[in-house]
PDB file of N, CA and C in Angstrom:
ATOM      1  N   UNK A   1     -18.995  65.050  50.804  1.00  0.00           N
ATOM      2  CA  UNK A   1     -17.599  64.887  51.141  1.00  0.00           C
ATOM      3  C   UNK A   1     -16.769  65.953  50.436  1.00  0.00           C
ATOM      4  N   UNK A   2     -15.845  66.542  51.151  1.00  0.00           N
ATOM      5  CA  UNK A   2     -15.005  67.594  50.589  1.00  0.00           C
ATOM      6  C   UNK A   2     -13.990  67.009  49.618  1.00  0.00           C
ATOM      7  N   UNK A   3     -13.667  67.785  48.599  1.00  0.00           N
ATOM      8  CA  UNK A   3     -12.732  67.358  47.569  1.00  0.00           C
ATOM      9  C   UNK A   3     -11.425  68.122  47.711  1.00  0.00           C
ATOM     10  N   UNK A   4     -10.360  67.496  47.265  1.00  0.00           N
ATOM     11  CA  UNK A   4      -9.045  68.130  47.210  1.00  0.00           C
ATOM     12  C   UNK A   4      -8.617  68.123  45.749  1.00  0.00           C
ATOM     13  N   UNK A   5      -8.314  69.300  45.240  1.00  0.00           N
ATOM     14  CA  UNK A   5      -7.878  69.450  43.856  1.00  0.00           C
ATOM     15  C   UNK A   5      -6.423  69.910  43.830  1.00  0.00           C
ATOM     16  N   UNK A   6      -5.676  69.448  42.847  1.00  0.00           N
ATOM     17  CA  UNK A   6      -4.336  69.953  42.574  1.00  0.00           C
ATOM     18  C   UNK A   6      -4.407  70.670  41.235  1.00  0.00           C
ATOM     19  N   UNK A   7      -3.968  71.914  41.219  1.00  0.00           N
ATOM     20  CA  UNK A   7      -4.056  72.707  40.008  1.00  0.00           C
ATOM     21  C   UNK A   7      -2.882  73.682  39.921  1.00  0.00           C
ATOM     22  N   UNK A   8      -2.767  74.334  38.786  1.00  0.00           N
ATOM     23  CA  UNK A   8      -1.730  75.342  38.620  1.00  0.00           C
ATOM     24  C   UNK A   8      -2.326  76.726  38.393  1.00  0.00           C
ATOM     25  N   UNK A   9      -3.575  76.899  38.824  1.00  0.00           N
ATOM     26  CA  UNK A   9      -4.222  78.209  38.692  1.00  0.00           C
ATOM     27  C   UNK A   9      -5.471  78.250  39.567  1.00  0.00           C
ATOM     28  N   UNK A  10      -5.899  79.463  39.884  1.00  0.00           N
ATOM     29  CA  UNK A  10      -7.179  79.671  40.544  1.00  0.00           C
ATOM     30  C   UNK A  10      -7.915  80.761  39.793  1.00  0.00           C
ATOM     31  N   UNK A  11      -9.199  80.553  39.612  1.00  0.00           N
ATOM     32  CA  UNK A  11     -10.053  81.530  38.959  1.00  0.00           C
ATOM     33  C   UNK A  11     -11.363  81.636  39.736  1.00  0.00           C
ATOM     34  N   UNK A  12     -11.918  82.831  39.786  1.00  0.00           N
ATOM     35  CA  UNK A  12     -13.211  83.004  40.451  1.00  0.00           C
ATOM     36  C   UNK A  12     -14.307  82.179  39.780  1.00  0.00           C
ATOM     37  N   UNK A  13     -14.100  81.784  38.534  1.00  0.00           N
ATOM     38  CA  UNK A  13     -15.086  80.938  37.855  1.00  0.00           C
ATOM     39  C   UNK A  13     -15.134  79.535  38.459  1.00  0.00           C
ATOM     40  N   UNK A  14     -14.186  79.209  39.338  1.00  0.00           N
ATOM     41  CA  UNK A  14     -14.207  77.909  40.023  1.00  0.00           C
ATOM     42  C   UNK A  14     -15.244  77.871  41.138  1.00  0.00           C
ATOM     43  N   UNK A  15     -15.780  79.024  41.513  1.00  0.00           N
ATOM     44  CA  UNK A  15     -16.819  79.068  42.534  1.00  0.00           C
ATOM     45  C   UNK A  15     -18.147  78.669  41.918  1.00  0.00           C
ATOM     46  N   UNK A  16     -18.984  77.991  42.691  1.00  0.00           N
ATOM     47  CA  UNK A  16     -20.288  77.602  42.159  1.00  0.00           C
ATOM     48  C   UNK A  16     -21.106  78.855  41.881  1.00  0.00           C
ATOM     49  N   UNK A  17     -22.065  78.722  41.026  1.00  0.00           N
ATOM     50  CA  UNK A  17     -22.802  79.894  40.548  1.00  0.00           C
ATOM     51  C   UNK A  17     -24.136  80.103  41.251  1.00  0.00           C
ATOM     52  N   UNK A  18     -24.203  79.786  42.539  1.00  0.00           N
ATOM     53  CA  UNK A  18     -25.473  79.958  43.239  1.00  0.00           C
ATOM     54  C   UNK A  18     -25.518  81.267  44.027  1.00  0.00           C
ATOM     55  N   UNK A  19     -24.661  82.187  43.663  1.00  0.00           N
ATOM     56  CA  UNK A  19     -24.658  83.548  44.197  1.00  0.00           C
ATOM     57  C   UNK A  19     -24.525  83.613  45.710  1.00  0.00           C
ATOM     58  N   UNK A  20     -23.813  82.655  46.264  1.00  0.00           N
ATOM     59  CA  UNK A  20     -23.528  82.697  47.693  1.00  0.00           C
ATOM     60  C   UNK A  20     -22.374  83.653  47.950  1.00  0.00           C
ATOM     61  N   UNK A  21     -22.235  84.010  49.209  1.00  0.00           N
ATOM     62  CA  UNK A  21     -21.055  84.751  49.623  1.00  0.00           C
ATOM     63  C   UNK A  21     -20.039  83.735  50.119  1.00  0.00           C
ATOM     64  N   UNK A  22     -18.782  83.891  49.733  1.00  0.00           N
ATOM     65  CA  UNK A  22     -17.743  82.937  50.095  1.00  0.00           C
ATOM     66  C   UNK A  22     -16.647  83.623  50.895  1.00  0.00           C
ATOM     67  N   UNK A  23     -16.059  82.867  51.768  1.00  0.00           N
ATOM     68  CA  UNK A  23     -14.805  83.252  52.395  1.00  0.00           C
ATOM     69  C   UNK A  23     -13.765  82.298  51.850  1.00  0.00           C
ATOM     70  N   UNK A  24     -12.651  82.860  51.418  1.00  0.00           N
ATOM     71  CA  UNK A  24     -11.589  82.053  50.845  1.00  0.00           C
ATOM     72  C   UNK A  24     -10.350  82.252  51.709  1.00  0.00           C
ATOM     73  N   UNK A  25      -9.834  81.148  52.218  1.00  0.00           N
ATOM     74  CA  UNK A  25      -8.604  81.192  53.002  1.00  0.00           C
ATOM     75  C   UNK A  25      -7.466  80.715  52.109  1.00  0.00           C
ATOM     76  N   UNK A  26      -6.440  81.538  51.981  1.00  0.00           N
ATOM     77  CA  UNK A  26      -5.285  81.186  51.159  1.00  0.00           C
ATOM     78  C   UNK A  26      -4.043  81.248  52.035  1.00  0.00           C
ATOM     79  N   UNK A  27      -3.261  80.180  51.983  1.00  0.00           N
ATOM     80  CA  UNK A  27      -2.053  80.097  52.799  1.00  0.00           C
ATOM     81  C   UNK A  27      -0.920  79.567  51.938  1.00  0.00           C
ATOM     82  N   UNK A  28       0.232  80.229  52.010  1.00  0.00           N
ATOM     83  CA  UNK A  28       1.404  79.702  51.323  1.00  0.00           C
ATOM     84  C   UNK A  28       1.900  78.492  52.108  1.00  0.00           C
ATOM     85  N   UNK A  29       2.213  77.415  51.394  1.00  0.00           N
ATOM     86  CA  UNK A  29       2.675  76.176  52.028  1.00  0.00           C
ATOM     87  C   UNK A  29       3.938  75.686  51.336  1.00  0.00           C
ATOM     88  N   UNK A  30       4.648  74.807  52.031  1.00  0.00           N
ATOM     89  CA  UNK A  30       5.839  74.191  51.456  1.00  0.00           C
ATOM     90  C   UNK A  30       5.496  72.857  50.816  1.00  0.00           C
ATOM     91  N   UNK A  31       6.436  72.310  50.093  1.00  0.00           N
ATOM     92  CA  UNK A  31       6.205  71.067  49.369  1.00  0.00           C
ATOM     93  C   UNK A  31       5.882  69.915  50.321  1.00  0.00           C
ATOM     94  N   UNK A  32       6.459  69.896  51.517  1.00  0.00           N
ATOM     95  CA  UNK A  32       6.162  68.803  52.458  1.00  0.00           C
ATOM     96  C   UNK A  32       4.704  68.859  52.902  1.00  0.00           C
ATOM     97  N   UNK A  33       4.164  70.060  53.110  1.00  0.00           N
ATOM     98  CA  UNK A  33       2.744  70.183  53.468  1.00  0.00           C
ATOM     99  C   UNK A  33       1.853  69.793  52.294  1.00  0.00           C
ATOM    100  N   UNK A  34       2.274  70.131  51.069  1.00  0.00           N
ATOM    101  CA  UNK A  34       1.518  69.732  49.881  1.00  0.00           C
ATOM    102  C   UNK A  34       1.421  68.212  49.822  1.00  0.00           C
ATOM    103  N   UNK A  35       2.542  67.526  50.032  1.00  0.00           N
ATOM    104  CA  UNK A  35       2.539  66.059  50.009  1.00  0.00           C
ATOM    105  C   UNK A  35       1.584  65.504  51.064  1.00  0.00           C
ATOM    106  N   UNK A  36       1.558  66.115  52.233  1.00  0.00           N
ATOM    107  CA  UNK A  36       0.673  65.670  53.314  1.00  0.00           C
ATOM    108  C   UNK A  36      -0.791  65.866  52.943  1.00  0.00           C
ATOM    109  N   UNK A  37      -1.117  67.003  52.356  1.00  0.00           N
ATOM    110  CA  UNK A  37      -2.503  67.293  51.948  1.00  0.00           C
ATOM    111  C   UNK A  37      -2.975  66.284  50.905  1.00  0.00           C
ATOM    112  N   UNK A  38      -2.103  65.936  49.971  1.00  0.00           N
ATOM    113  CA  UNK A  38      -2.475  65.089  48.829  1.00  0.00           C
ATOM    114  C   UNK A  38      -2.353  63.592  49.105  1.00  0.00           C
ATOM    115  N   UNK A  39      -1.776  63.208  50.223  1.00  0.00           N
ATOM    116  CA  UNK A  39      -1.418  61.803  50.446  1.00  0.00           C
ATOM    117  C   UNK A  39      -2.595  60.834  50.432  1.00  0.00           C
ATOM    118  N   UNK A  40      -3.794  61.289  50.774  1.00  0.00           N
ATOM    119  CA  UNK A  40      -4.951  60.382  50.797  1.00  0.00           C
ATOM    120  C   UNK A  40      -5.802  60.469  49.533  1.00  0.00           C
ATOM    121  N   UNK A  41      -5.260  61.108  48.510  1.00  0.00           N
ATOM    122  CA  UNK A  41      -5.976  61.198  47.240  1.00  0.00           C
ATOM    123  C   UNK A  41      -6.363  62.619  46.890  1.00  0.00           C
ATOM    124  N   UNK A  42      -6.476  62.864  45.606  1.00  0.00           N
ATOM    125  CA  UNK A  42      -6.814  64.195  45.100  1.00  0.00           C
ATOM    126  C   UNK A  42      -7.288  64.069  43.666  1.00  0.00           C
ATOM    127  N   UNK A  43      -7.864  65.142  43.184  1.00  0.00           N
ATOM    128  CA  UNK A  43      -8.292  65.232  41.783  1.00  0.00           C
ATOM    129  C   UNK A  43      -7.321  66.164  41.083  1.00  0.00           C
ATOM    130  N   UNK A  44      -6.659  65.675  40.065  1.00  0.00           N
ATOM    131  CA  UNK A  44      -5.770  66.532  39.291  1.00  0.00           C
ATOM    132  C   UNK A  44      -6.597  67.419  38.367  1.00  0.00           C
ATOM    133  N   UNK A  45      -6.272  68.707  38.376  1.00  0.00           N
ATOM    134  CA  UNK A  45      -6.867  69.651  37.435  1.00  0.00           C
ATOM    135  C   UNK A  45      -5.734  70.384  36.712  1.00  0.00           C
ATOM    136  N   UNK A  46      -4.642  69.661  36.495  1.00  0.00           N
ATOM    137  CA  UNK A  46      -3.479  70.193  35.790  1.00  0.00           C
ATOM    138  C   UNK A  46      -3.617  69.763  34.328  1.00  0.00           C
ATOM    139  N   UNK A  47      -3.892  70.709  33.457  1.00  0.00           N
ATOM    140  CA  UNK A  47      -4.174  70.369  32.068  1.00  0.00           C
ATOM    141  C   UNK A  47      -2.963  70.295  31.158  1.00  0.00           C
ATOM    142  N   UNK A  48      -1.832  70.812  31.597  1.00  0.00           N
ATOM    143  CA  UNK A  48      -0.627  70.876  30.778  1.00  0.00           C
ATOM    144  C   UNK A  48       0.269  69.688  31.114  1.00  0.00           C
ATOM    145  N   UNK A  49       0.512  68.824  30.137  1.00  0.00           N
ATOM    146  CA  UNK A  49       1.231  67.576  30.397  1.00  0.00           C
ATOM    147  C   UNK A  49       2.632  67.772  30.979  1.00  0.00           C
ATOM    148  N   UNK A  50       3.471  68.682  30.423  1.00  0.00           N
ATOM    149  CA  UNK A  50       4.788  68.873  31.048  1.00  0.00           C
ATOM    150  C   UNK A  50       4.694  69.358  32.503  1.00  0.00           C
ATOM    151  N   UNK A  51       3.696  70.164  32.831  1.00  0.00           N
ATOM    152  CA  UNK A  51       3.511  70.605  34.217  1.00  0.00           C
ATOM    153  C   UNK A  51       3.130  69.423  35.088  1.00  0.00           C
ATOM    154  N   UNK A  52       2.252  68.567  34.610  1.00  0.00           N
ATOM    155  CA  UNK A  52       1.870  67.367  35.370  1.00  0.00           C
ATOM    156  C   UNK A  52       3.092  66.473  35.599  1.00  0.00           C
ATOM    157  N   UNK A  53       3.942  66.336  34.592  1.00  0.00           N
ATOM    158  CA  UNK A  53       5.165  65.537  34.734  1.00  0.00           C
ATOM    159  C   UNK A  53       6.090  66.147  35.784  1.00  0.00           C
ATOM    160  N   UNK A  54       6.256  67.462  35.746  1.00  0.00           N
ATOM    161  CA  UNK A  54       7.113  68.143  36.710  1.00  0.00           C
ATOM    162  C   UNK A  54       6.569  67.976  38.129  1.00  0.00           C
ATOM    163  N   UNK A  55       5.270  68.143  38.306  1.00  0.00           N
ATOM    164  CA  UNK A  55       4.674  67.998  39.638  1.00  0.00           C
ATOM    165  C   UNK A  55       4.801  66.564  40.137  1.00  0.00           C
ATOM    166  N   UNK A  56       4.654  65.598  39.251  1.00  0.00           N
ATOM    167  CA  UNK A  56       4.857  64.192  39.630  1.00  0.00           C
ATOM    168  C   UNK A  56       6.256  64.000  40.185  1.00  0.00           C
ATOM    169  N   UNK A  57       7.224  64.582  39.504  1.00  0.00           N
ATOM    170  CA  UNK A  57       8.626  64.471  39.928  1.00  0.00           C
ATOM    171  C   UNK A  57       8.852  65.193  41.262  1.00  0.00           C
ATOM    172  N   UNK A  58       8.324  66.386  41.398  1.00  0.00           N
ATOM    173  CA  UNK A  58       8.524  67.182  42.612  1.00  0.00           C
ATOM    174  C   UNK A  58       7.878  66.544  43.839  1.00  0.00           C
ATOM    175  N   UNK A  59       6.701  65.952  43.642  1.00  0.00           N
ATOM    176  CA  UNK A  59       5.917  65.441  44.763  1.00  0.00           C
ATOM    177  C   UNK A  59       6.121  63.951  45.023  1.00  0.00           C
ATOM    178  N   UNK A  60       6.679  63.243  44.056  1.00  0.00           N
ATOM    179  CA  UNK A  60       6.860  61.805  44.218  1.00  0.00           C
ATOM    180  C   UNK A  60       5.559  61.029  44.144  1.00  0.00           C
ATOM    181  N   UNK A  61       4.548  61.605  43.496  1.00  0.00           N
ATOM    182  CA  UNK A  61       3.256  60.938  43.280  1.00  0.00           C
ATOM    183  C   UNK A  61       2.829  61.185  41.838  1.00  0.00           C
ATOM    184  N   UNK A  62       1.992  60.321  41.323  1.00  0.00           N
ATOM    185  CA  UNK A  62       1.544  60.496  39.943  1.00  0.00           C
ATOM    186  C   UNK A  62       0.521  61.620  39.853  1.00  0.00           C
ATOM    187  N   UNK A  63       0.823  62.587  38.996  1.00  0.00           N
ATOM    188  CA  UNK A  63      -0.113  63.662  38.682  1.00  0.00           C
ATOM    189  C   UNK A  63      -0.470  63.498  37.213  1.00  0.00           C
ATOM    190  N   UNK A  64      -1.687  63.092  36.957  1.00  0.00           N
ATOM    191  CA  UNK A  64      -2.102  62.873  35.571  1.00  0.00           C
ATOM    192  C   UNK A  64      -2.586  64.194  34.971  1.00  0.00           C
ATOM    193  N   UNK A  65      -2.253  64.440  33.696  1.00  0.00           N
ATOM    194  CA  UNK A  65      -2.808  65.621  33.038  1.00  0.00           C
ATOM    195  C   UNK A  65      -4.324  65.460  32.948  1.00  0.00           C
ATOM    196  N   UNK A  66      -5.050  66.489  33.316  1.00  0.00           N
ATOM    197  CA  UNK A  66      -6.504  66.363  33.402  1.00  0.00           C
ATOM    198  C   UNK A  66      -7.136  67.739  33.217  1.00  0.00           C
ATOM    199  N   UNK A  67      -7.592  68.011  32.004  1.00  0.00           N
ATOM    200  CA  UNK A  67      -8.222  69.307  31.714  1.00  0.00           C
ATOM    201  C   UNK A  67      -9.700  69.228  32.091  1.00  0.00           C
ATOM    202  N   UNK A  68      -9.985  69.606  33.324  1.00  0.00           N
ATOM    203  CA  UNK A  68     -11.358  69.592  33.802  1.00  0.00           C
ATOM    204  C   UNK A  68     -11.740  70.974  34.289  1.00  0.00           C
ATOM    205  N   UNK A  69     -13.038  71.192  34.361  1.00  0.00           N
ATOM    206  CA  UNK A  69     -13.552  72.433  34.942  1.00  0.00           C
ATOM    207  C   UNK A  69     -13.808  72.174  36.422  1.00  0.00           C
ATOM    208  N   UNK A  70     -13.160  72.941  37.274  1.00  0.00           N
ATOM    209  CA  UNK A  70     -13.313  72.792  38.722  1.00  0.00           C
ATOM    210  C   UNK A  70     -14.445  73.691  39.200  1.00  0.00           C
ATOM    211  N   UNK A  71     -15.337  73.124  40.005  1.00  0.00           N
ATOM    212  CA  UNK A  71     -16.394  73.890  40.663  1.00  0.00           C
ATOM    213  C   UNK A  71     -16.294  73.593  42.150  1.00  0.00           C
ATOM    214  N   UNK A  72     -15.805  74.556  42.899  1.00  0.00           N
ATOM    215  CA  UNK A  72     -15.574  74.372  44.321  1.00  0.00           C
ATOM    216  C   UNK A  72     -16.854  74.507  45.132  1.00  0.00           C
ATOM    217  N   UNK A  73     -16.953  73.692  46.156  1.00  0.00           N
ATOM    218  CA  UNK A  73     -18.028  73.761  47.140  1.00  0.00           C
ATOM    219  C   UNK A  73     -17.389  74.104  48.487  1.00  0.00           C
ATOM    220  N   UNK A  74     -18.187  74.561  49.418  1.00  0.00           N
ATOM    221  CA  UNK A  74     -17.664  74.890  50.737  1.00  0.00           C
ATOM    222  C   UNK A  74     -16.946  73.673  51.328  1.00  0.00           C
ATOM    223  N   UNK A  75     -15.750  73.923  51.887  1.00  0.00           N
ATOM    224  CA  UNK A  75     -14.942  72.862  52.481  1.00  0.00           C
ATOM    225  C   UNK A  75     -13.931  72.249  51.531  1.00  0.00           C
ATOM    226  N   UNK A  76     -14.077  72.484  50.229  1.00  0.00           N
ATOM    227  CA  UNK A  76     -13.115  71.952  49.270  1.00  0.00           C
ATOM    228  C   UNK A  76     -11.771  72.649  49.427  1.00  0.00           C
ATOM    229  N   UNK A  77     -10.712  71.936  49.042  1.00  0.00           N
ATOM    230  CA  UNK A  77      -9.351  72.459  49.123  1.00  0.00           C
ATOM    231  C   UNK A  77      -8.752  72.451  47.729  1.00  0.00           C
ATOM    232  N   UNK A  78      -8.090  73.542  47.406  1.00  0.00           N
ATOM    233  CA  UNK A  78      -7.378  73.664  46.140  1.00  0.00           C
ATOM    234  C   UNK A  78      -5.900  73.842  46.475  1.00  0.00           C
ATOM    235  N   UNK A  79      -5.062  72.921  46.021  1.00  0.00           N
ATOM    236  CA  UNK A  79      -3.616  73.055  46.168  1.00  0.00           C
ATOM    237  C   UNK A  79      -3.120  73.626  44.840  1.00  0.00           C
ATOM    238  N   UNK A  80      -2.472  74.782  44.924  1.00  0.00           N
ATOM    239  CA  UNK A  80      -2.112  75.522  43.713  1.00  0.00           C
ATOM    240  C   UNK A  80      -0.592  75.605  43.570  1.00  0.00           C
ATOM    241  N   UNK A  81      -0.108  75.164  42.424  1.00  0.00           N
ATOM    242  CA  UNK A  81       1.291  75.348  42.032  1.00  0.00           C
ATOM    243  C   UNK A  81       1.310  76.621  41.201  1.00  0.00           C
ATOM    244  N   UNK A  82       1.816  77.703  41.760  1.00  0.00           N
ATOM    245  CA  UNK A  82       1.725  79.016  41.131  1.00  0.00           C
ATOM    246  C   UNK A  82       3.078  79.462  40.594  1.00  0.00           C
ATOM    247  N   UNK A  83       3.161  79.628  39.288  1.00  0.00           N
ATOM    248  CA  UNK A  83       4.371  80.187  38.693  1.00  0.00           C
ATOM    249  C   UNK A  83       4.429  81.675  39.009  1.00  0.00           C
ATOM    250  N   UNK A  84       5.617  82.185  39.237  1.00  0.00           N
ATOM    251  CA  UNK A  84       5.772  83.572  39.676  1.00  0.00           C
ATOM    252  C   UNK A  84       6.211  84.522  38.574  1.00  0.00           C
ATOM    253  N   UNK A  85       6.146  84.066  37.352  1.00  0.00           N
ATOM    254  CA  UNK A  85       6.403  84.969  36.230  1.00  0.00           C
ATOM    255  C   UNK A  85       5.523  84.556  35.060  1.00  0.00           C
ATOM    256  N   UNK A  86       5.231  85.518  34.244  1.00  0.00           N
ATOM    257  CA  UNK A  86       4.389  85.274  33.072  1.00  0.00           C
ATOM    258  C   UNK A  86       5.204  84.508  32.036  1.00  0.00           C
ATOM    259  N   UNK A  87       4.594  83.495  31.457  1.00  0.00           N
ATOM    260  CA  UNK A  87       5.273  82.692  30.438  1.00  0.00           C
ATOM    261  C   UNK A  87       5.137  83.356  29.077  1.00  0.00           C
ATOM    262  N   UNK A  88       6.066  83.075  28.171  1.00  0.00           N
ATOM    263  CA  UNK A  88       5.965  83.661  26.828  1.00  0.00           C
ATOM    264  C   UNK A  88       4.658  83.252  26.146  1.00  0.00           C
ATOM    265  N   UNK A  89       4.029  84.206  25.494  1.00  0.00           N
ATOM    266  CA  UNK A  89       2.745  83.956  24.835  1.00  0.00           C
ATOM    267  C   UNK A  89       2.882  82.931  23.717  1.00  0.00           C
ATOM    268  N   UNK A  90       1.965  81.963  23.722  1.00  0.00           N
ATOM    269  CA  UNK A  90       1.895  80.984  22.653  1.00  0.00           C
ATOM    270  C   UNK A  90       2.989  79.923  22.684  1.00  0.00           C
ATOM    271  N   UNK A  91       3.811  79.928  23.686  1.00  0.00           N
ATOM    272  CA  UNK A  91       4.917  78.970  23.756  1.00  0.00           C
ATOM    273  C   UNK A  91       4.579  77.866  24.732  1.00  0.00           C
ATOM    274  N   UNK A  92       4.716  76.634  24.288  1.00  0.00           N
ATOM    275  CA  UNK A  92       4.508  75.483  25.159  1.00  0.00           C
ATOM    276  C   UNK A  92       5.863  75.102  25.728  1.00  0.00           C
ATOM    277  N   UNK A  93       5.975  75.204  27.044  1.00  0.00           N
ATOM    278  CA  UNK A  93       7.261  74.967  27.692  1.00  0.00           C
ATOM    279  C   UNK A  93       7.424  73.504  28.078  1.00  0.00           C
ATOM    280  N   UNK A  94       8.653  73.048  28.025  1.00  0.00           N
ATOM    281  CA  UNK A  94       8.968  71.683  28.421  1.00  0.00           C
ATOM    282  C   UNK A  94       9.079  71.595  29.941  1.00  0.00           C
ATOM    283  N   UNK A  95       9.122  70.380  30.443  1.00  0.00           N
ATOM    284  CA  UNK A  95       9.302  70.161  31.881  1.00  0.00           C
ATOM    285  C   UNK A  95      10.600  70.814  32.349  1.00  0.00           C
ATOM    286  N   UNK A  96      11.673  70.680  31.581  1.00  0.00           N
ATOM    287  CA  UNK A  96      12.965  71.247  31.950  1.00  0.00           C
ATOM    288  C   UNK A  96      12.897  72.770  32.005  1.00  0.00           C
ATOM    289  N   UNK A  97      12.213  73.393  31.061  1.00  0.00           N
ATOM    290  CA  UNK A  97      12.072  74.852  31.070  1.00  0.00           C
ATOM    291  C   UNK A  97      11.233  75.312  32.266  1.00  0.00           C
ATOM    292  N   UNK A  98      10.193  74.557  32.592  1.00  0.00           N
ATOM    293  CA  UNK A  98       9.334  74.917  33.723  1.00  0.00           C
ATOM    294  C   UNK A  98      10.085  74.844  35.049  1.00  0.00           C
ATOM    295  N   UNK A  99      11.030  73.918  35.161  1.00  0.00           N
ATOM    296  CA  UNK A  99      11.828  73.783  36.391  1.00  0.00           C
ATOM    297  C   UNK A  99      12.540  75.082  36.743  1.00  0.00           C
ATOM    298  N   UNK A 100      12.914  75.855  35.722  1.00  0.00           N
ATOM    299  CA  UNK A 100      13.684  77.083  35.933  1.00  0.00           C
ATOM    300  C   UNK A 100      12.810  78.275  36.330  1.00  0.00           C
ATOM    301  N   UNK A 101      11.502  78.131  36.242  1.00  0.00           N
ATOM    302  CA  UNK A 101      10.595  79.241  36.554  1.00  0.00           C
ATOM    303  C   UNK A 101      10.322  79.261  38.062  1.00  0.00           C
ATOM    304  N   UNK A 102      10.533  80.402  38.723  1.00  0.00           N
ATOM    305  CA  UNK A 102      10.225  80.477  40.156  1.00  0.00           C
ATOM    306  C   UNK A 102       8.751  80.171  40.419  1.00  0.00           C
ATOM    307  N   UNK A 103       8.474  79.542  41.566  1.00  0.00           N
ATOM    308  CA  UNK A 103       7.101  79.155  41.885  1.00  0.00           C
ATOM    309  C   UNK A 103       6.874  79.171  43.395  1.00  0.00           C
ATOM    310  N   UNK A 104       5.614  79.116  43.766  1.00  0.00           N
ATOM    311  CA  UNK A 104       5.206  78.948  45.161  1.00  0.00           C
ATOM    312  C   UNK A 104       4.033  77.982  45.184  1.00  0.00           C
ATOM    313  N   UNK A 105       3.795  77.410  46.357  1.00  0.00           N
ATOM    314  CA  UNK A 105       2.653  76.534  46.587  1.00  0.00           C
ATOM    315  C   UNK A 105       1.668  77.246  47.505  1.00  0.00           C
ATOM    316  N   UNK A 106       0.380  77.098  47.217  1.00  0.00           N
ATOM    317  CA  UNK A 106      -0.667  77.677  48.060  1.00  0.00           C
ATOM    318  C   UNK A 106      -1.738  76.632  48.347  1.00  0.00           C
ATOM    319  N   UNK A 107      -2.328  76.762  49.518  1.00  0.00           N
ATOM    320  CA  UNK A 107      -3.500  75.963  49.889  1.00  0.00           C
ATOM    321  C   UNK A 107      -4.661  76.938  49.997  1.00  0.00           C
ATOM    322  N   UNK A 108      -5.681  76.731  49.175  1.00  0.00           N
ATOM    323  CA  UNK A 108      -6.882  77.553  49.194  1.00  0.00           C
ATOM    324  C   UNK A 108      -8.030  76.702  49.715  1.00  0.00           C
ATOM    325  N   UNK A 109      -8.722  77.220  50.719  1.00  0.00           N
ATOM    326  CA  UNK A 109      -9.875  76.518  51.267  1.00  0.00           C
ATOM    327  C   UNK A 109     -11.090  77.417  51.122  1.00  0.00           C
ATOM    328  N   UNK A 110     -12.164  76.850  50.611  1.00  0.00           N
ATOM    329  CA  UNK A 110     -13.420  77.584  50.482  1.00  0.00           C
ATOM    330  C   UNK A 110     -14.204  77.363  51.770  1.00  0.00           C
ATOM    331  N   UNK A 111     -14.398  78.434  52.516  1.00  0.00           N
ATOM    332  CA  UNK A 111     -15.034  78.344  53.842  1.00  0.00           C
ATOM    333  C   UNK A 111     -16.528  78.619  53.737  1.00  0.00           C
TER     334      UNK A 111
END
């Protein structure tokens, strides 16, 4: 069964290590599409508590902080909350500070 993950980052290390060739489809989506994708359940991979709180508020669903290692399989979906600027090094930002940072939403599917 395919999994749906909610995260605030994507890394090539999320791909399984069986040396397959992958096609990755990435599409920018709006918050309403994000809510639709997540409505039947998802796995949170948001490790930063203030970010999880902000996403809970934005989406109207509970996003629990969850520092896990994601390993994607073919057919899995990654919903990514992507900040559009680099954060100050070593600084832990509050939910209110994160609200002010420009962002976009992406849907990544491993084909």
